[in-house]
Amino acid sequence: MSGMGLIRYTTKKDIEKLYGRSNVEIQSIERMELHTKYNTCLSEWIIEVKKSE
């Protein structure tokens, strides 16, 4: 997990709540999963936002 930034357990609902309070509009939310050879799964959210005017 080195170099991956902050680690947080977050649901899609949580993301909508977090970004819904700011001055941005969510354009898309996707989840990417990486399955390793050690039978672990790493997931990360990809969030595209547009600054509200």
C-alpha atoms as a PDB file:
ATOM      1  CA  MET A   1       0.000   0.000   0.000  1.00  0.00           C
ATOM      2  CA  SER A   2       3.041   2.216  -0.046  1.00  0.00           C
ATOM      3  CA  GLY A   3       2.595   5.316  -2.178  1.00  0.00           C
ATOM      4  CA  MET A   4      -1.183   4.894  -2.419  1.00  0.00           C
ATOM      5  CA  GLY A   5      -2.150   7.883  -0.264  1.00  0.00           C
ATOM      6  CA  LEU A   6      -4.660   7.754   2.561  1.00  0.00           C
ATOM      7  CA  ILE A   7      -6.338   4.433   3.273  1.00  0.00           C
ATOM      8  CA  ARG A   8      -9.979   4.518   4.271  1.00  0.00           C
ATOM      9  CA  TYR A   9     -12.840   2.037   4.242  1.00  0.00           C
ATOM     10  CA  THR A  10     -15.559   3.899   2.380  1.00  0.00           C
ATOM     11  CA  THR A  11     -18.831   2.933   0.752  1.00  0.00           C
ATOM     12  CA  LYS A  12     -20.322   4.606  -2.316  1.00  0.00           C
ATOM     13  CA  LYS A  13     -22.940   6.185  -0.035  1.00  0.00           C
ATOM     14  CA  ASP A  14     -20.161   7.670   2.115  1.00  0.00           C
ATOM     15  CA  ILE A  15     -18.512   9.188  -0.954  1.00  0.00           C
ATOM     16  CA  GLU A  16     -21.781  10.803  -2.025  1.00  0.00           C
ATOM     17  CA  LYS A  17     -22.193  12.254   1.469  1.00  0.00           C
ATOM     18  CA  LEU A  18     -18.610  13.560   1.623  1.00  0.00           C
ATOM     19  CA  TYR A  19     -18.666  15.221  -1.782  1.00  0.00           C
ATOM     20  CA  GLY A  20     -22.301  16.317  -1.560  1.00  0.00           C
ATOM     21  CA  ARG A  21     -21.381  18.902   1.087  1.00  0.00           C
ATOM     22  CA  SER A  22     -18.659  20.624  -0.910  1.00  0.00           C
ATOM     23  CA  ASN A  23     -18.696  22.967  -3.877  1.00  0.00           C
ATOM     24  CA  VAL A  24     -18.179  20.150  -6.420  1.00  0.00           C
ATOM     25  CA  GLU A  25     -20.531  18.082  -8.549  1.00  0.00           C
ATOM     26  CA  ILE A  26     -19.819  14.357  -8.854  1.00  0.00           C
ATOM     27  CA  GLN A  27     -19.433  13.409 -12.531  1.00  0.00           C
ATOM     28  CA  SER A  28     -18.740   9.690 -12.034  1.00  0.00           C
ATOM     29  CA  ILE A  29     -17.825   7.157  -9.381  1.00  0.00           C
ATOM     30  CA  GLU A  30     -16.148   3.854 -10.273  1.00  0.00           C
ATOM     31  CA  ARG A  31     -14.516   1.143  -8.243  1.00  0.00           C
ATOM     32  CA  MET A  32     -11.393  -0.607  -9.463  1.00  0.00           C
ATOM     33  CA  GLU A  33     -10.339  -3.990  -8.073  1.00  0.00           C
ATOM     34  CA  LEU A  34      -6.924  -5.621  -8.252  1.00  0.00           C
ATOM     35  CA  HIS A  35      -6.687  -9.327  -7.446  1.00  0.00           C
ATOM     36  CA  THR A  36      -3.220 -10.408  -6.390  1.00  0.00           C
ATOM     37  CA  LYS A  37      -1.553 -13.787  -6.665  1.00  0.00           C
ATOM     38  CA  TYR A  38      -1.908 -14.124  -2.877  1.00  0.00           C
ATOM     39  CA  ASN A  39      -5.732 -14.277  -3.073  1.00  0.00           C
ATOM     40  CA  THR A  40      -6.207 -10.754  -1.800  1.00  0.00           C
ATOM     41  CA  CYS A  41      -8.275  -8.049  -3.412  1.00  0.00           C
ATOM     42  CA  LEU A  42      -7.359  -4.360  -3.349  1.00  0.00           C
ATOM     43  CA  SER A  43     -10.143  -1.926  -4.225  1.00  0.00           C
ATOM     44  CA  GLU A  44      -9.992   1.781  -4.854  1.00  0.00           C
ATOM     45  CA  TRP A  45     -12.535   4.398  -5.824  1.00  0.00           C
ATOM     46  CA  ILE A  46     -12.053   6.599  -8.862  1.00  0.00           C
ATOM     47  CA  ILE A  47     -14.055   9.792  -8.408  1.00  0.00           C
ATOM     48  CA  GLU A  48     -14.420  12.465 -11.081  1.00  0.00           C
ATOM     49  CA  VAL A  49     -15.795  15.786  -9.922  1.00  0.00           C
ATOM     50  CA  LYS A  50     -16.495  19.163 -11.483  1.00  0.00           C
ATOM     51  CA  LYS A  51     -16.150  22.370  -9.521  1.00  0.00           C
ATOM     52  CA  SER A  52     -19.529  24.061  -9.037  1.00  0.00           C
ATOM     53  CA  GLU A  53     -19.853  27.672 -10.035  1.00  0.00           C
END
